[in-house]
Amino acid sequence: MAFDSNVIYLLFEGLTEFAGSVSHVPLGQKVCTVDSAGQLIPGVTARVVRPDGSLANEGEEGELILTGPSVALCYYKNPEA
């Protein structure tokens, strides 16, 4: 992918479960990889867990658990989800 050096690109990643973004790429930092969503925004924590709930090792597949002040407590009309 070619980037125009005269344009400022901003990247923010978000989820429907969050009111806003969960990560960003700081202004001026070049990120051109598909395996990164940047840095977590302040107040957001992340961990990857195995199916049994234990913490996964680096590079191991698992479920991404995000927490922070803007995370939804439940899904609308589906609190068990």
PDB file of N, CA and C in Angstrom:
ATOM      1  N   MET A   1       0.846  -1.169   0.000  1.00  0.00           N
ATOM      2  CA  MET A   1       0.000   0.000   0.000  1.00  0.00           C
ATOM      3  C   MET A   1       0.893   1.234   0.000  1.00  0.00           C
ATOM      4  N   ALA A   2       0.632   2.152  -0.880  1.00  0.00           N
ATOM      5  CA  ALA A   2       1.409   3.381  -0.955  1.00  0.00           C
ATOM      6  C   ALA A   2       0.711   4.488  -0.168  1.00  0.00           C
ATOM      7  N   PHE A   3       1.484   5.244   0.580  1.00  0.00           N
ATOM      8  CA  PHE A   3       0.945   6.355   1.351  1.00  0.00           C
ATOM      9  C   PHE A   3       1.462   7.666   0.788  1.00  0.00           C
ATOM     10  N   ASP A   4       0.609   8.644   0.738  1.00  0.00           N
ATOM     11  CA  ASP A   4       0.980   9.980   0.302  1.00  0.00           C
ATOM     12  C   ASP A   4       1.688  10.665   1.464  1.00  0.00           C
ATOM     13  N   SER A   5       2.941  11.049   1.294  1.00  0.00           N
ATOM     14  CA  SER A   5       3.718  11.654   2.377  1.00  0.00           C
ATOM     15  C   SER A   5       3.225  13.054   2.750  1.00  0.00           C
ATOM     16  N   ASN A   6       2.340  13.638   1.957  1.00  0.00           N
ATOM     17  CA  ASN A   6       1.813  14.963   2.257  1.00  0.00           C
ATOM     18  C   ASN A   6       0.502  14.918   3.035  1.00  0.00           C
ATOM     19  N   VAL A   7       0.064  13.718   3.383  1.00  0.00           N
ATOM     20  CA  VAL A   7      -1.209  13.551   4.080  1.00  0.00           C
ATOM     21  C   VAL A   7      -0.944  12.948   5.457  1.00  0.00           C
ATOM     22  N   ILE A   8      -1.650  13.430   6.475  1.00  0.00           N
ATOM     23  CA  ILE A   8      -1.543  12.855   7.810  1.00  0.00           C
ATOM     24  C   ILE A   8      -2.628  11.803   7.950  1.00  0.00           C
ATOM     25  N   TYR A   9      -2.219  10.565   8.216  1.00  0.00           N
ATOM     26  CA  TYR A   9      -3.152   9.460   8.393  1.00  0.00           C
ATOM     27  C   TYR A   9      -3.303   9.175   9.877  1.00  0.00           C
ATOM     28  N   LEU A  10      -4.519   9.021  10.330  1.00  0.00           N
ATOM     29  CA  LEU A  10      -4.794   8.655  11.711  1.00  0.00           C
ATOM     30  C   LEU A  10      -5.530   7.332  11.711  1.00  0.00           C
ATOM     31  N   LEU A  11      -5.117   6.412  12.574  1.00  0.00           N
ATOM     32  CA  LEU A  11      -5.746   5.105  12.663  1.00  0.00           C
ATOM     33  C   LEU A  11      -6.257   4.893  14.075  1.00  0.00           C
ATOM     34  N   PHE A  12      -7.542   4.622  14.190  1.00  0.00           N
ATOM     35  CA  PHE A  12      -8.152   4.285  15.465  1.00  0.00           C
ATOM     36  C   PHE A  12      -8.938   2.997  15.265  1.00  0.00           C
ATOM     37  N   GLU A  13      -8.851   2.083  16.219  1.00  0.00           N
ATOM     38  CA  GLU A  13      -9.595   0.832  16.170  1.00  0.00           C
ATOM     39  C   GLU A  13     -10.648   0.856  17.262  1.00  0.00           C
ATOM     40  N   GLY A  14     -11.837   0.359  16.959  1.00  0.00           N
ATOM     41  CA  GLY A  14     -12.905   0.320  17.949  1.00  0.00           C
ATOM     42  C   GLY A  14     -13.750  -0.931  17.792  1.00  0.00           C
ATOM     43  N   LEU A  15     -14.626  -1.135  18.733  1.00  0.00           N
ATOM     44  CA  LEU A  15     -15.526  -2.279  18.743  1.00  0.00           C
ATOM     45  C   LEU A  15     -16.920  -1.782  19.098  1.00  0.00           C
ATOM     46  N   THR A  16     -17.925  -2.532  18.718  1.00  0.00           N
ATOM     47  CA  THR A  16     -19.286  -2.116  19.060  1.00  0.00           C
ATOM     48  C   THR A  16     -19.517  -2.144  20.558  1.00  0.00           C
ATOM     49  N   GLU A  17     -18.735  -2.948  21.284  1.00  0.00           N
ATOM     50  CA  GLU A  17     -18.893  -3.044  22.730  1.00  0.00           C
ATOM     51  C   GLU A  17     -18.281  -1.853  23.464  1.00  0.00           C
ATOM     52  N   PHE A  18     -17.522  -1.025  22.763  1.00  0.00           N
ATOM     53  CA  PHE A  18     -16.879   0.146  23.350  1.00  0.00           C
ATOM     54  C   PHE A  18     -17.501   1.411  22.797  1.00  0.00           C
ATOM     55  N   ALA A  19     -17.637   2.404  23.642  1.00  0.00           N
ATOM     56  CA  ALA A  19     -18.091   3.719  23.193  1.00  0.00           C
ATOM     57  C   ALA A  19     -16.848   4.501  22.780  1.00  0.00           C
ATOM     58  N   GLY A  20     -16.431   4.309  21.561  1.00  0.00           N
ATOM     59  CA  GLY A  20     -15.227   4.970  21.077  1.00  0.00           C
ATOM     60  C   GLY A  20     -14.161   3.978  20.686  1.00  0.00           C
ATOM     61  N   SER A  21     -12.938   4.414  20.713  1.00  0.00           N
ATOM     62  CA  SER A  21     -11.811   3.603  20.271  1.00  0.00           C
ATOM     63  C   SER A  21     -11.213   2.801  21.414  1.00  0.00           C
ATOM     64  N   VAL A  22     -10.493   1.744  21.061  1.00  0.00           N
ATOM     65  CA  VAL A  22      -9.749   0.970  22.043  1.00  0.00           C
ATOM     66  C   VAL A  22      -8.243   1.101  21.825  1.00  0.00           C
ATOM     67  N   SER A  23      -7.852   1.444  20.605  1.00  0.00           N
ATOM     68  CA  SER A  23      -6.429   1.596  20.314  1.00  0.00           C
ATOM     69  C   SER A  23      -6.229   2.655  19.242  1.00  0.00           C
ATOM     70  N   HIS A  24      -4.984   3.097  19.125  1.00  0.00           N
ATOM     71  CA  HIS A  24      -4.659   4.100  18.115  1.00  0.00           C
ATOM     72  C   HIS A  24      -3.194   3.973  17.727  1.00  0.00           C
ATOM     73  N   VAL A  25      -2.861   4.574  16.629  1.00  0.00           N
ATOM     74  CA  VAL A  25      -1.471   4.700  16.205  1.00  0.00           C
ATOM     75  C   VAL A  25      -1.090   6.153  16.441  1.00  0.00           C
ATOM     76  N   PRO A  26      -0.108   6.395  17.315  1.00  0.00           N
ATOM     77  CA  PRO A  26       0.269   7.778  17.619  1.00  0.00           C
ATOM     78  C   PRO A  26       0.664   8.560  16.373  1.00  0.00           C
ATOM     79  N   LEU A  27       0.330   9.820  16.367  1.00  0.00           N
ATOM     80  CA  LEU A  27       0.652  10.705  15.257  1.00  0.00           C
ATOM     81  C   LEU A  27       2.156  10.670  14.991  1.00  0.00           C
ATOM     82  N   GLY A  28       2.531  10.468  13.767  1.00  0.00           N
ATOM     83  CA  GLY A  28       3.925  10.431  13.374  1.00  0.00           C
ATOM     84  C   GLY A  28       4.538   9.050  13.368  1.00  0.00           C
ATOM     85  N   GLN A  29       3.854   8.073  13.971  1.00  0.00           N
ATOM     86  CA  GLN A  29       4.371   6.701  13.970  1.00  0.00           C
ATOM     87  C   GLN A  29       3.909   6.003  12.709  1.00  0.00           C
ATOM     88  N   LYS A  30       4.816   5.342  12.036  1.00  0.00           N
ATOM     89  CA  LYS A  30       4.475   4.630  10.808  1.00  0.00           C
ATOM     90  C   LYS A  30       4.146   3.184  11.131  1.00  0.00           C
ATOM     91  N   VAL A  31       2.957   2.767  10.763  1.00  0.00           N
ATOM     92  CA  VAL A  31       2.535   1.381  10.948  1.00  0.00           C
ATOM     93  C   VAL A  31       1.977   0.897   9.625  1.00  0.00           C
ATOM     94  N   CYS A  32       2.606  -0.082   9.053  1.00  0.00           N
ATOM     95  CA  CYS A  32       2.166  -0.624   7.772  1.00  0.00           C
ATOM     96  C   CYS A  32       2.083  -2.141   7.849  1.00  0.00           C
ATOM     97  N   THR A  33       1.684  -2.671   8.993  1.00  0.00           N
ATOM     98  CA  THR A  33       1.564  -4.113   9.134  1.00  0.00           C
ATOM     99  C   THR A  33       0.116  -4.470   9.441  1.00  0.00           C
ATOM    100  N   VAL A  34      -0.272  -5.668   9.065  1.00  0.00           N
ATOM    101  CA  VAL A  34      -1.639  -6.110   9.306  1.00  0.00           C
ATOM    102  C   VAL A  34      -1.781  -6.781  10.662  1.00  0.00           C
ATOM    103  N   ASP A  35      -0.677  -6.967  11.381  1.00  0.00           N
ATOM    104  CA  ASP A  35      -0.740  -7.653  12.668  1.00  0.00           C
ATOM    105  C   ASP A  35      -0.710  -6.699  13.861  1.00  0.00           C
ATOM    106  N   SER A  36      -1.005  -5.430  13.636  1.00  0.00           N
ATOM    107  CA  SER A  36      -0.995  -4.464  14.730  1.00  0.00           C
ATOM    108  C   SER A  36      -2.169  -3.515  14.598  1.00  0.00           C
ATOM    109  N   ALA A  37      -2.752  -3.201  15.733  1.00  0.00           N
ATOM    110  CA  ALA A  37      -3.812  -2.191  15.780  1.00  0.00           C
ATOM    111  C   ALA A  37      -3.337  -0.979  16.563  1.00  0.00           C
ATOM    112  N   GLY A  38      -2.037  -0.861  16.767  1.00  0.00           N
ATOM    113  CA  GLY A  38      -1.473   0.273  17.476  1.00  0.00           C
ATOM    114  C   GLY A  38      -1.407   0.042  18.970  1.00  0.00           C
ATOM    115  N   GLN A  39      -1.474   1.139  19.729  1.00  0.00           N
ATOM    116  CA  GLN A  39      -1.373   1.102  21.180  1.00  0.00           C
ATOM    117  C   GLN A  39      -2.758   1.265  21.800  1.00  0.00           C
ATOM    118  N   LEU A  40      -2.954   0.647  22.949  1.00  0.00           N
ATOM    119  CA  LEU A  40      -4.215   0.836  23.662  1.00  0.00           C
ATOM    120  C   LEU A  40      -4.328   2.279  24.112  1.00  0.00           C
ATOM    121  N   ILE A  41      -5.538   2.820  24.067  1.00  0.00           N
ATOM    122  CA  ILE A  41      -5.733   4.175  24.562  1.00  0.00           C
ATOM    123  C   ILE A  41      -5.689   4.136  26.090  1.00  0.00           C
ATOM    124  N   PRO A  42      -5.385   5.259  26.751  1.00  0.00           N
ATOM    125  CA  PRO A  42      -5.314   5.272  28.207  1.00  0.00           C
ATOM    126  C   PRO A  42      -6.614   4.770  28.847  1.00  0.00           C
ATOM    127  N   GLY A  43      -6.476   3.939  29.857  1.00  0.00           N
ATOM    128  CA  GLY A  43      -7.628   3.400  30.572  1.00  0.00           C
ATOM    129  C   GLY A  43      -8.120   2.059  30.064  1.00  0.00           C
ATOM    130  N   VAL A  44      -7.637   1.622  28.907  1.00  0.00           N
ATOM    131  CA  VAL A  44      -8.048   0.333  28.341  1.00  0.00           C
ATOM    132  C   VAL A  44      -6.975  -0.706  28.658  1.00  0.00           C
ATOM    133  N   THR A  45      -7.404  -1.874  29.122  1.00  0.00           N
ATOM    134  CA  THR A  45      -6.475  -2.984  29.336  1.00  0.00           C
ATOM    135  C   THR A  45      -6.899  -4.142  28.445  1.00  0.00           C
ATOM    136  N   ALA A  46      -5.944  -4.972  28.080  1.00  0.00           N
ATOM    137  CA  ALA A  46      -6.217  -6.100  27.194  1.00  0.00           C
ATOM    138  C   ALA A  46      -5.455  -7.318  27.667  1.00  0.00           C
ATOM    139  N   ARG A  47      -6.078  -8.475  27.469  1.00  0.00           N
ATOM    140  CA  ARG A  47      -5.390  -9.743  27.706  1.00  0.00           C
ATOM    141  C   ARG A  47      -5.993 -10.778  26.771  1.00  0.00           C
ATOM    142  N   VAL A  48      -5.205 -11.800  26.459  1.00  0.00           N
ATOM    143  CA  VAL A  48      -5.671 -12.907  25.628  1.00  0.00           C
ATOM    144  C   VAL A  48      -5.729 -14.131  26.534  1.00  0.00           C
ATOM    145  N   VAL A  49      -6.883 -14.793  26.532  1.00  0.00           N
ATOM    146  CA  VAL A  49      -7.069 -15.943  27.411  1.00  0.00           C
ATOM    147  C   VAL A  49      -7.397 -17.198  26.598  1.00  0.00           C
ATOM    148  N   ARG A  50      -7.058 -18.332  27.186  1.00  0.00           N
ATOM    149  CA  ARG A  50      -7.385 -19.641  26.614  1.00  0.00           C
ATOM    150  C   ARG A  50      -8.850 -19.964  26.910  1.00  0.00           C
ATOM    151  N   PRO A  51      -9.388 -21.019  26.285  1.00  0.00           N
ATOM    152  CA  PRO A  51     -10.787 -21.400  26.557  1.00  0.00           C
ATOM    153  C   PRO A  51     -11.075 -21.659  28.036  1.00  0.00           C
ATOM    154  N   ASP A  52     -10.056 -22.085  28.805  1.00  0.00           N
ATOM    155  CA  ASP A  52     -10.275 -22.332  30.236  1.00  0.00           C
ATOM    156  C   ASP A  52     -10.154 -21.063  31.079  1.00  0.00           C
ATOM    157  N   GLY A  53      -9.879 -19.925  30.434  1.00  0.00           N
ATOM    158  CA  GLY A  53      -9.791 -18.651  31.138  1.00  0.00           C
ATOM    159  C   GLY A  53      -8.394 -18.278  31.591  1.00  0.00           C
ATOM    160  N   SER A  54      -7.427 -19.178  31.435  1.00  0.00           N
ATOM    161  CA  SER A  54      -6.053 -18.857  31.832  1.00  0.00           C
ATOM    162  C   SER A  54      -5.405 -17.958  30.785  1.00  0.00           C
ATOM    163  N   LEU A  55      -4.429 -17.194  31.223  1.00  0.00           N
ATOM    164  CA  LEU A  55      -3.744 -16.250  30.351  1.00  0.00           C
ATOM    165  C   LEU A  55      -2.950 -16.992  29.281  1.00  0.00           C
ATOM    166  N   ALA A  56      -3.133 -16.607  28.026  1.00  0.00           N
ATOM    167  CA  ALA A  56      -2.410 -17.218  26.905  1.00  0.00           C
ATOM    168  C   ALA A  56      -0.984 -16.683  26.850  1.00  0.00           C
ATOM    169  N   ASN A  57      -0.104 -17.465  26.291  1.00  0.00           N
ATOM    170  CA  ASN A  57       1.279 -17.032  26.088  1.00  0.00           C
ATOM    171  C   ASN A  57       1.356 -16.121  24.865  1.00  0.00           C
ATOM    172  N   GLU A  58       2.425 -15.334  24.771  1.00  0.00           N
ATOM    173  CA  GLU A  58       2.623 -14.455  23.623  1.00  0.00           C
ATOM    174  C   GLU A  58       2.615 -15.276  22.344  1.00  0.00           C
ATOM    175  N   GLY A  59       1.821 -14.853  21.363  1.00  0.00           N
ATOM    176  CA  GLY A  59       1.713 -15.530  20.085  1.00  0.00           C
ATOM    177  C   GLY A  59       0.686 -16.646  20.050  1.00  0.00           C
ATOM    178  N   GLU A  60       0.153 -17.015  21.202  1.00  0.00           N
ATOM    179  CA  GLU A  60      -0.843 -18.079  21.281  1.00  0.00           C
ATOM    180  C   GLU A  60      -2.231 -17.517  20.980  1.00  0.00           C
ATOM    181  N   GLU A  61      -3.037 -18.259  20.233  1.00  0.00           N
ATOM    182  CA  GLU A  61      -4.397 -17.820  19.930  1.00  0.00           C
ATOM    183  C   GLU A  61      -5.272 -17.921  21.169  1.00  0.00           C
ATOM    184  N   GLY A  62      -6.276 -17.051  21.217  1.00  0.00           N
ATOM    185  CA  GLY A  62      -7.216 -17.075  22.324  1.00  0.00           C
ATOM    186  C   GLY A  62      -8.249 -15.982  22.163  1.00  0.00           C
ATOM    187  N   GLU A  63      -9.013 -15.768  23.203  1.00  0.00           N
ATOM    188  CA  GLU A  63     -10.041 -14.731  23.194  1.00  0.00           C
ATOM    189  C   GLU A  63      -9.455 -13.440  23.739  1.00  0.00           C
ATOM    190  N   LEU A  64      -9.698 -12.341  23.033  1.00  0.00           N
ATOM    191  CA  LEU A  64      -9.225 -11.029  23.459  1.00  0.00           C
ATOM    192  C   LEU A  64     -10.223 -10.447  24.451  1.00  0.00           C
ATOM    193  N   ILE A  65      -9.749 -10.128  25.651  1.00  0.00           N
ATOM    194  CA  ILE A  65     -10.582  -9.535  26.692  1.00  0.00           C
ATOM    195  C   ILE A  65     -10.133  -8.094  26.885  1.00  0.00           C
ATOM    196  N   LEU A  66     -11.023  -7.161  26.655  1.00  0.00           N
ATOM    197  CA  LEU A  66     -10.733  -5.740  26.822  1.00  0.00           C
ATOM    198  C   LEU A  66     -11.570  -5.186  27.965  1.00  0.00           C
ATOM    199  N   THR A  67     -10.969  -4.342  28.781  1.00  0.00           N
ATOM    200  CA  THR A  67     -11.702  -3.663  29.846  1.00  0.00           C
ATOM    201  C   THR A  67     -11.351  -2.191  29.814  1.00  0.00           C
ATOM    202  N   GLY A  68     -12.263  -1.388  30.306  1.00  0.00           N
ATOM    203  CA  GLY A  68     -12.031   0.050  30.369  1.00  0.00           C
ATOM    204  C   GLY A  68     -13.307   0.774  30.738  1.00  0.00           C
ATOM    205  N   PRO A  69     -13.192   2.069  30.989  1.00  0.00           N
ATOM    206  CA  PRO A  69     -14.355   2.837  31.446  1.00  0.00           C
ATOM    207  C   PRO A  69     -15.466   2.981  30.412  1.00  0.00           C
ATOM    208  N   SER A  70     -15.166   2.737  29.153  1.00  0.00           N
ATOM    209  CA  SER A  70     -16.198   2.908  28.124  1.00  0.00           C
ATOM    210  C   SER A  70     -16.729   1.589  27.580  1.00  0.00           C
ATOM    211  N   VAL A  71     -16.414   0.471  28.240  1.00  0.00           N
ATOM    212  CA  VAL A  71     -16.901  -0.830  27.768  1.00  0.00           C
ATOM    213  C   VAL A  71     -18.357  -1.014  28.186  1.00  0.00           C
ATOM    214  N   ALA A  72     -19.128  -1.604  27.306  1.00  0.00           N
ATOM    215  CA  ALA A  72     -20.545  -1.855  27.597  1.00  0.00           C
ATOM    216  C   ALA A  72     -20.666  -2.937  28.666  1.00  0.00           C
ATOM    217  N   LEU A  73     -21.633  -2.788  29.558  1.00  0.00           N
ATOM    218  CA  LEU A  73     -21.852  -3.786  30.597  1.00  0.00           C
ATOM    219  C   LEU A  73     -22.578  -5.015  30.068  1.00  0.00           C
ATOM    220  N   CYS A  74     -23.370  -4.839  29.021  1.00  0.00           N
ATOM    221  CA  CYS A  74     -24.084  -5.962  28.413  1.00  0.00           C
ATOM    222  C   CYS A  74     -24.551  -5.522  27.028  1.00  0.00           C
ATOM    223  N   TYR A  75     -25.063  -6.480  26.272  1.00  0.00           N
ATOM    224  CA  TYR A  75     -25.656  -6.160  24.977  1.00  0.00           C
ATOM    225  C   TYR A  75     -27.106  -5.732  25.191  1.00  0.00           C
ATOM    226  N   TYR A  76     -27.569  -4.785  24.386  1.00  0.00           N
ATOM    227  CA  TYR A  76     -28.932  -4.290  24.476  1.00  0.00           C
ATOM    228  C   TYR A  76     -29.929  -5.438  24.353  1.00  0.00           C
ATOM    229  N   LYS A  77     -30.775  -5.588  25.315  1.00  0.00           N
ATOM    230  CA  LYS A  77     -31.818  -6.614  25.379  1.00  0.00           C
ATOM    231  C   LYS A  77     -31.249  -8.032  25.384  1.00  0.00           C
ATOM    232  N   ASN A  78     -29.966  -8.194  25.760  1.00  0.00           N
ATOM    233  CA  ASN A  78     -29.356  -9.519  25.845  1.00  0.00           C
ATOM    234  C   ASN A  78     -28.245  -9.490  26.908  1.00  0.00           C
ATOM    235  N   PRO A  79     -28.615  -9.309  28.173  1.00  0.00           N
ATOM    236  CA  PRO A  79     -27.599  -9.154  29.222  1.00  0.00           C
ATOM    237  C   PRO A  79     -26.741 -10.379  29.467  1.00  0.00           C
ATOM    238  N   GLU A  80     -27.190 -11.570  29.018  1.00  0.00           N
ATOM    239  CA  GLU A  80     -26.385 -12.783  29.229  1.00  0.00           C
ATOM    240  C   GLU A  80     -25.283 -12.963  28.187  1.00  0.00           C
ATOM    241  N   ALA A  81     -25.342 -12.236  27.100  1.00  0.00           N
ATOM    242  CA  ALA A  81     -24.357 -12.402  26.018  1.00  0.00           C
ATOM    243  C   ALA A  81     -22.983 -11.934  26.452  1.00  0.00           C
TER     244      ALA A  81
END
